[in-house]
Amino acid sequence: MITLPELAELPPLAGVPTADLERLLEHGYARDYAKGTVVFEPGTWSFSALLIVRGELEIQVVGDGEARVVGRIPAGEIAGEAAFSDNGTVHTVRAVAARDTEALVVTQTLLDKARGTKALQSMQAHTVRVLADRIRATNATLRRAWEDNADEEPEALRAAIREAVTGDGG
């Protein structure tokens, strides 16, 4: 069970009024994932995101039957934030509970009910910062792959970039 003090300690919700946090708990719900549980798979649809309250998710890209760890989402971060769009999203990675994890499921209903609150504004601002960081990291990876393979033929260059970004050289 997620408590108000736990939410108040999460970086995206620091300084948010108690009434706004109560609204999140009223319109959202908690989801528990045991260590090793697959939270979502590539190709599956989602219309909700997860605010990780306790624990951690491991993010993997999957190719040729193998998974490569490309990141971690610790407590206080949001997973599956692309689902915030009106039409949901198809996951492109696998998320696995790296340890026992509890998350607040952020549905479209919760977003509608929290509209205009400091809680939603704070989560949205945090999400924009995280997405900007991810874009910068991806751009840096692409730039390195391009520079390291600048003399290659176009197909070899595409393969090198694909390998650098996804771990899938095929």
C-alpha atoms as a PDB file:
ATOM      1  CA  MET A   1       0.000   0.000   0.000  1.00  0.00           C
ATOM      2  CA  ILE A   2       1.372   3.375  -0.987  1.00  0.00           C
ATOM      3  CA  THR A   3       1.255   6.045   1.712  1.00  0.00           C
ATOM      4  CA  LEU A   4       1.179   9.836   1.553  1.00  0.00           C
ATOM      5  CA  PRO A   5       4.622  10.159   3.202  1.00  0.00           C
ATOM      6  CA  GLU A   6       6.102   7.812   0.568  1.00  0.00           C
ATOM      7  CA  LEU A   7       4.691   9.900  -2.278  1.00  0.00           C
ATOM      8  CA  ALA A   8       5.848  13.131  -0.636  1.00  0.00           C
ATOM      9  CA  GLU A   9       9.443  11.822  -0.541  1.00  0.00           C
ATOM     10  CA  LEU A  10       9.617  11.068  -4.276  1.00  0.00           C
ATOM     11  CA  PRO A  11      11.588  13.678  -6.260  1.00  0.00           C
ATOM     12  CA  PRO A  12       8.817  14.374  -8.815  1.00  0.00           C
ATOM     13  CA  LEU A  13       6.385  15.101  -5.981  1.00  0.00           C
ATOM     14  CA  ALA A  14       8.602  16.985  -3.519  1.00  0.00           C
ATOM     15  CA  GLY A  15       6.824  20.052  -2.173  1.00  0.00           C
ATOM     16  CA  VAL A  16       3.426  19.036  -3.582  1.00  0.00           C
ATOM     17  CA  PRO A  17       0.475  19.870  -1.273  1.00  0.00           C
ATOM     18  CA  THR A  18      -0.980  16.927   0.669  1.00  0.00           C
ATOM     19  CA  ALA A  19      -4.415  17.433  -0.928  1.00  0.00           C
ATOM     20  CA  ASP A  20      -2.869  16.897  -4.382  1.00  0.00           C
ATOM     21  CA  LEU A  21      -1.100  13.730  -3.235  1.00  0.00           C
ATOM     22  CA  GLU A  22      -4.370  12.467  -1.758  1.00  0.00           C
ATOM     23  CA  ARG A  23      -6.002  12.998  -5.145  1.00  0.00           C
ATOM     24  CA  LEU A  24      -3.327  10.826  -6.777  1.00  0.00           C
ATOM     25  CA  LEU A  25      -4.000   8.027  -4.304  1.00  0.00           C
ATOM     26  CA  GLU A  26      -7.756   8.423  -4.685  1.00  0.00           C
ATOM     27  CA  HIS A  27      -7.749   8.107  -8.477  1.00  0.00           C
ATOM     28  CA  GLY A  28      -4.694   5.908  -9.026  1.00  0.00           C
ATOM     29  CA  TYR A  29      -3.944   2.454  -7.734  1.00  0.00           C
ATOM     30  CA  ALA A  30      -0.890   0.566  -6.538  1.00  0.00           C
ATOM     31  CA  ARG A  31       0.618  -2.371  -8.370  1.00  0.00           C
ATOM     32  CA  ASP A  32       3.162  -4.772  -6.866  1.00  0.00           C
ATOM     33  CA  TYR A  33       5.775  -6.628  -8.916  1.00  0.00           C
ATOM     34  CA  ALA A  34       7.901  -9.385  -7.387  1.00  0.00           C
ATOM     35  CA  LYS A  35      11.590  -9.484  -8.293  1.00  0.00           C
ATOM     36  CA  GLY A  36      11.994 -10.980 -11.770  1.00  0.00           C
ATOM     37  CA  THR A  37       8.430 -10.200 -12.893  1.00  0.00           C
ATOM     38  CA  VAL A  38       8.141  -8.937 -16.464  1.00  0.00           C
ATOM     39  CA  VAL A  39       6.231  -5.659 -16.181  1.00  0.00           C
ATOM     40  CA  PHE A  40       5.862  -5.078 -19.909  1.00  0.00           C
ATOM     41  CA  GLU A  41       7.199  -6.525 -23.163  1.00  0.00           C
ATOM     42  CA  PRO A  42       8.062  -4.957 -26.523  1.00  0.00           C
ATOM     43  CA  GLY A  43       5.025  -4.824 -28.789  1.00  0.00           C
ATOM     44  CA  THR A  44       2.443  -4.669 -25.993  1.00  0.00           C
ATOM     45  CA  TRP A  45       0.037  -1.742 -25.765  1.00  0.00           C
ATOM     46  CA  SER A  46      -0.259   0.451 -22.701  1.00  0.00           C
ATOM     47  CA  PHE A  47      -2.517   3.301 -21.746  1.00  0.00           C
ATOM     48  CA  SER A  48      -0.895   3.947 -18.363  1.00  0.00           C
ATOM     49  CA  ALA A  49       2.489   4.809 -16.922  1.00  0.00           C
ATOM     50  CA  LEU A  50       4.081   3.715 -13.659  1.00  0.00           C
ATOM     51  CA  LEU A  51       5.446   6.004 -10.958  1.00  0.00           C
ATOM     52  CA  ILE A  52       7.934   3.758  -9.179  1.00  0.00           C
ATOM     53  CA  VAL A  53       7.419   4.220  -5.435  1.00  0.00           C
ATOM     54  CA  ARG A  54       9.610   1.387  -4.110  1.00  0.00           C
ATOM     55  CA  GLY A  55      12.063  -0.896  -5.879  1.00  0.00           C
ATOM     56  CA  GLU A  56      13.509  -0.643  -9.361  1.00  0.00           C
ATOM     57  CA  LEU A  57      12.828  -1.724 -12.925  1.00  0.00           C
ATOM     58  CA  GLU A  58      15.493  -2.999 -15.296  1.00  0.00           C
ATOM     59  CA  ILE A  59      14.976  -1.882 -18.903  1.00  0.00           C
ATOM     60  CA  GLN A  60      16.034  -4.294 -21.618  1.00  0.00           C
ATOM     61  CA  VAL A  61      16.099  -4.334 -25.404  1.00  0.00           C
ATOM     62  CA  VAL A  62      15.356  -7.705 -26.906  1.00  0.00           C
ATOM     63  CA  GLY A  63      16.826  -9.019 -30.144  1.00  0.00           C
ATOM     64  CA  ASP A  64      17.639 -12.437 -31.536  1.00  0.00           C
ATOM     65  CA  GLY A  65      16.194 -14.049 -28.418  1.00  0.00           C
ATOM     66  CA  GLU A  66      18.576 -12.204 -26.123  1.00  0.00           C
ATOM     67  CA  ALA A  67      17.982  -9.284 -23.785  1.00  0.00           C
ATOM     68  CA  ARG A  68      20.456  -6.463 -23.212  1.00  0.00           C
ATOM     69  CA  VAL A  69      20.104  -4.189 -20.177  1.00  0.00           C
ATOM     70  CA  VAL A  70      20.038  -0.572 -21.324  1.00  0.00           C
ATOM     71  CA  GLY A  71      18.914   1.169 -18.168  1.00  0.00           C
ATOM     72  CA  ARG A  72      17.249   1.156 -14.797  1.00  0.00           C
ATOM     73  CA  ILE A  73      14.277   3.055 -13.459  1.00  0.00           C
ATOM     74  CA  PRO A  74      14.597   3.568  -9.688  1.00  0.00           C
ATOM     75  CA  ALA A  75      12.051   4.709  -7.142  1.00  0.00           C
ATOM     76  CA  GLY A  76      10.890   8.236  -7.896  1.00  0.00           C
ATOM     77  CA  GLU A  77      11.055   7.808 -11.667  1.00  0.00           C
ATOM     78  CA  ILE A  78       8.305   7.188 -14.207  1.00  0.00           C
ATOM     79  CA  ALA A  79       8.223   4.176 -16.554  1.00  0.00           C
ATOM     80  CA  GLY A  80       6.134   3.962 -19.694  1.00  0.00           C
ATOM     81  CA  GLU A  81       5.607   7.707 -19.857  1.00  0.00           C
ATOM     82  CA  ALA A  82       4.865   7.566 -23.587  1.00  0.00           C
ATOM     83  CA  ALA A  83       1.452   6.202 -22.572  1.00  0.00           C
ATOM     84  CA  PHE A  84       0.585   9.730 -21.433  1.00  0.00           C
ATOM     85  CA  SER A  85      -0.428  10.409 -25.017  1.00  0.00           C
ATOM     86  CA  ASP A  86      -4.177  10.234 -25.677  1.00  0.00           C
ATOM     87  CA  ASN A  87      -3.841   7.094 -27.783  1.00  0.00           C
ATOM     88  CA  GLY A  88      -1.569   5.071 -25.544  1.00  0.00           C
ATOM     89  CA  THR A  89       1.638   3.548 -26.840  1.00  0.00           C
ATOM     90  CA  VAL A  90       3.273   0.311 -27.882  1.00  0.00           C
ATOM     91  CA  HIS A  91       6.218  -0.587 -25.668  1.00  0.00           C
ATOM     92  CA  THR A  92       9.576  -0.816 -27.447  1.00  0.00           C
ATOM     93  CA  VAL A  93      11.508  -2.332 -24.534  1.00  0.00           C
ATOM     94  CA  ARG A  94      11.040  -4.922 -21.817  1.00  0.00           C
ATOM     95  CA  ALA A  95      10.781  -3.864 -18.181  1.00  0.00           C
ATOM     96  CA  VAL A  96      11.563  -6.380 -15.441  1.00  0.00           C
ATOM     97  CA  ALA A  97      11.345  -5.833 -11.688  1.00  0.00           C
ATOM     98  CA  ALA A  98      15.002  -5.796 -10.591  1.00  0.00           C
ATOM     99  CA  ARG A  99      13.771  -6.288  -7.014  1.00  0.00           C
ATOM    100  CA  ASP A 100      10.385  -6.254  -5.340  1.00  0.00           C
ATOM    101  CA  THR A 101       8.742  -3.114  -6.698  1.00  0.00           C
ATOM    102  CA  GLU A 102       5.600  -1.108  -6.004  1.00  0.00           C
ATOM    103  CA  ALA A 103       4.278   1.484  -8.430  1.00  0.00           C
ATOM    104  CA  LEU A 104       1.438   3.946  -8.652  1.00  0.00           C
ATOM    105  CA  VAL A 105      -0.370   3.233 -11.925  1.00  0.00           C
ATOM    106  CA  VAL A 106      -0.927   6.550 -13.690  1.00  0.00           C
ATOM    107  CA  THR A 107      -3.969   6.124 -15.920  1.00  0.00           C
ATOM    108  CA  GLN A 108      -5.706   8.623 -18.176  1.00  0.00           C
ATOM    109  CA  THR A 109      -8.457   8.845 -15.534  1.00  0.00           C
ATOM    110  CA  LEU A 110      -5.898   9.804 -12.890  1.00  0.00           C
ATOM    111  CA  LEU A 111      -4.443  12.419 -15.242  1.00  0.00           C
ATOM    112  CA  ASP A 112      -7.922  13.856 -15.890  1.00  0.00           C
ATOM    113  CA  LYS A 113      -8.790  13.949 -12.177  1.00  0.00           C
ATOM    114  CA  ALA A 114      -5.422  15.491 -11.259  1.00  0.00           C
ATOM    115  CA  ARG A 115      -5.586  18.162 -13.964  1.00  0.00           C
ATOM    116  CA  GLY A 116      -4.632  21.567 -12.585  1.00  0.00           C
ATOM    117  CA  THR A 117      -2.917  20.185  -9.483  1.00  0.00           C
ATOM    118  CA  LYS A 118       0.649  20.806  -8.432  1.00  0.00           C
ATOM    119  CA  ALA A 119       1.109  16.990  -8.398  1.00  0.00           C
ATOM    120  CA  LEU A 120       0.352  16.647 -12.095  1.00  0.00           C
ATOM    121  CA  GLN A 121       2.370  19.735 -13.032  1.00  0.00           C
ATOM    122  CA  SER A 122       5.331  18.399 -11.082  1.00  0.00           C
ATOM    123  CA  MET A 123       5.111  14.916 -12.664  1.00  0.00           C
ATOM    124  CA  GLN A 124       4.797  16.413 -16.147  1.00  0.00           C
ATOM    125  CA  ALA A 125       7.792  18.711 -15.646  1.00  0.00           C
ATOM    126  CA  HIS A 126       9.831  15.798 -14.299  1.00  0.00           C
ATOM    127  CA  THR A 127       8.833  13.646 -17.288  1.00  0.00           C
ATOM    128  CA  VAL A 128       9.900  16.356 -19.751  1.00  0.00           C
ATOM    129  CA  ARG A 129      13.306  16.602 -18.035  1.00  0.00           C
ATOM    130  CA  VAL A 130      13.748  12.810 -18.150  1.00  0.00           C
ATOM    131  CA  LEU A 131      12.762  12.649 -21.830  1.00  0.00           C
ATOM    132  CA  ALA A 132      15.182  15.469 -22.670  1.00  0.00           C
ATOM    133  CA  ASP A 133      17.985  13.587 -20.880  1.00  0.00           C
ATOM    134  CA  ARG A 134      17.141  10.401 -22.790  1.00  0.00           C
ATOM    135  CA  ILE A 135      17.140  12.242 -26.117  1.00  0.00           C
ATOM    136  CA  ARG A 136      20.535  13.800 -25.328  1.00  0.00           C
ATOM    137  CA  ALA A 137      21.947  10.364 -24.404  1.00  0.00           C
ATOM    138  CA  THR A 138      20.552   8.775 -27.577  1.00  0.00           C
ATOM    139  CA  ASN A 139      21.952  11.593 -29.706  1.00  0.00           C
ATOM    140  CA  ALA A 140      25.379  11.151 -28.107  1.00  0.00           C
ATOM    141  CA  THR A 141      25.249   7.390 -28.779  1.00  0.00           C
ATOM    142  CA  LEU A 142      24.268   7.981 -32.412  1.00  0.00           C
ATOM    143  CA  ARG A 143      27.001  10.578 -32.850  1.00  0.00           C
ATOM    144  CA  ARG A 144      29.649   8.191 -31.454  1.00  0.00           C
ATOM    145  CA  ALA A 145      28.426   5.359 -33.698  1.00  0.00           C
ATOM    146  CA  TRP A 146      28.484   7.687 -36.708  1.00  0.00           C
ATOM    147  CA  GLU A 147      31.975   8.995 -35.943  1.00  0.00           C
ATOM    148  CA  ASP A 148      33.349   5.519 -35.211  1.00  0.00           C
ATOM    149  CA  ASN A 149      31.988   4.195 -38.510  1.00  0.00           C
ATOM    150  CA  ALA A 150      32.129   7.230 -40.810  1.00  0.00           C
ATOM    151  CA  ASP A 151      34.165   5.395 -43.458  1.00  0.00           C
ATOM    152  CA  GLU A 152      31.753   2.455 -43.681  1.00  0.00           C
ATOM    153  CA  GLU A 153      29.244   1.801 -46.431  1.00  0.00           C
ATOM    154  CA  PRO A 154      25.685   3.003 -45.653  1.00  0.00           C
ATOM    155  CA  GLU A 155      24.355  -0.450 -44.684  1.00  0.00           C
ATOM    156  CA  ALA A 156      27.310  -1.091 -42.363  1.00  0.00           C
ATOM    157  CA  LEU A 157      26.804   2.344 -40.832  1.00  0.00           C
ATOM    158  CA  ARG A 158      23.089   1.646 -40.236  1.00  0.00           C
ATOM    159  CA  ALA A 159      23.999  -1.682 -38.611  1.00  0.00           C
ATOM    160  CA  ALA A 160      26.565   0.012 -36.352  1.00  0.00           C
ATOM    161  CA  ILE A 161      24.045   2.628 -35.253  1.00  0.00           C
ATOM    162  CA  ARG A 162      21.377  -0.041 -34.653  1.00  0.00           C
ATOM    163  CA  GLU A 163      23.903  -2.021 -32.559  1.00  0.00           C
ATOM    164  CA  ALA A 164      24.891   1.077 -30.568  1.00  0.00           C
ATOM    165  CA  VAL A 165      21.307   2.033 -29.771  1.00  0.00           C
ATOM    166  CA  THR A 166      19.619  -1.343 -29.315  1.00  0.00           C
ATOM    167  CA  GLY A 167      22.325  -3.940 -28.980  1.00  0.00           C
ATOM    168  CA  ASP A 168      20.771  -5.697 -31.994  1.00  0.00           C
ATOM    169  CA  GLY A 169      23.339  -5.861 -34.778  1.00  0.00           C
ATOM    170  CA  GLY A 170      21.055  -7.862 -37.092  1.00  0.00           C
END
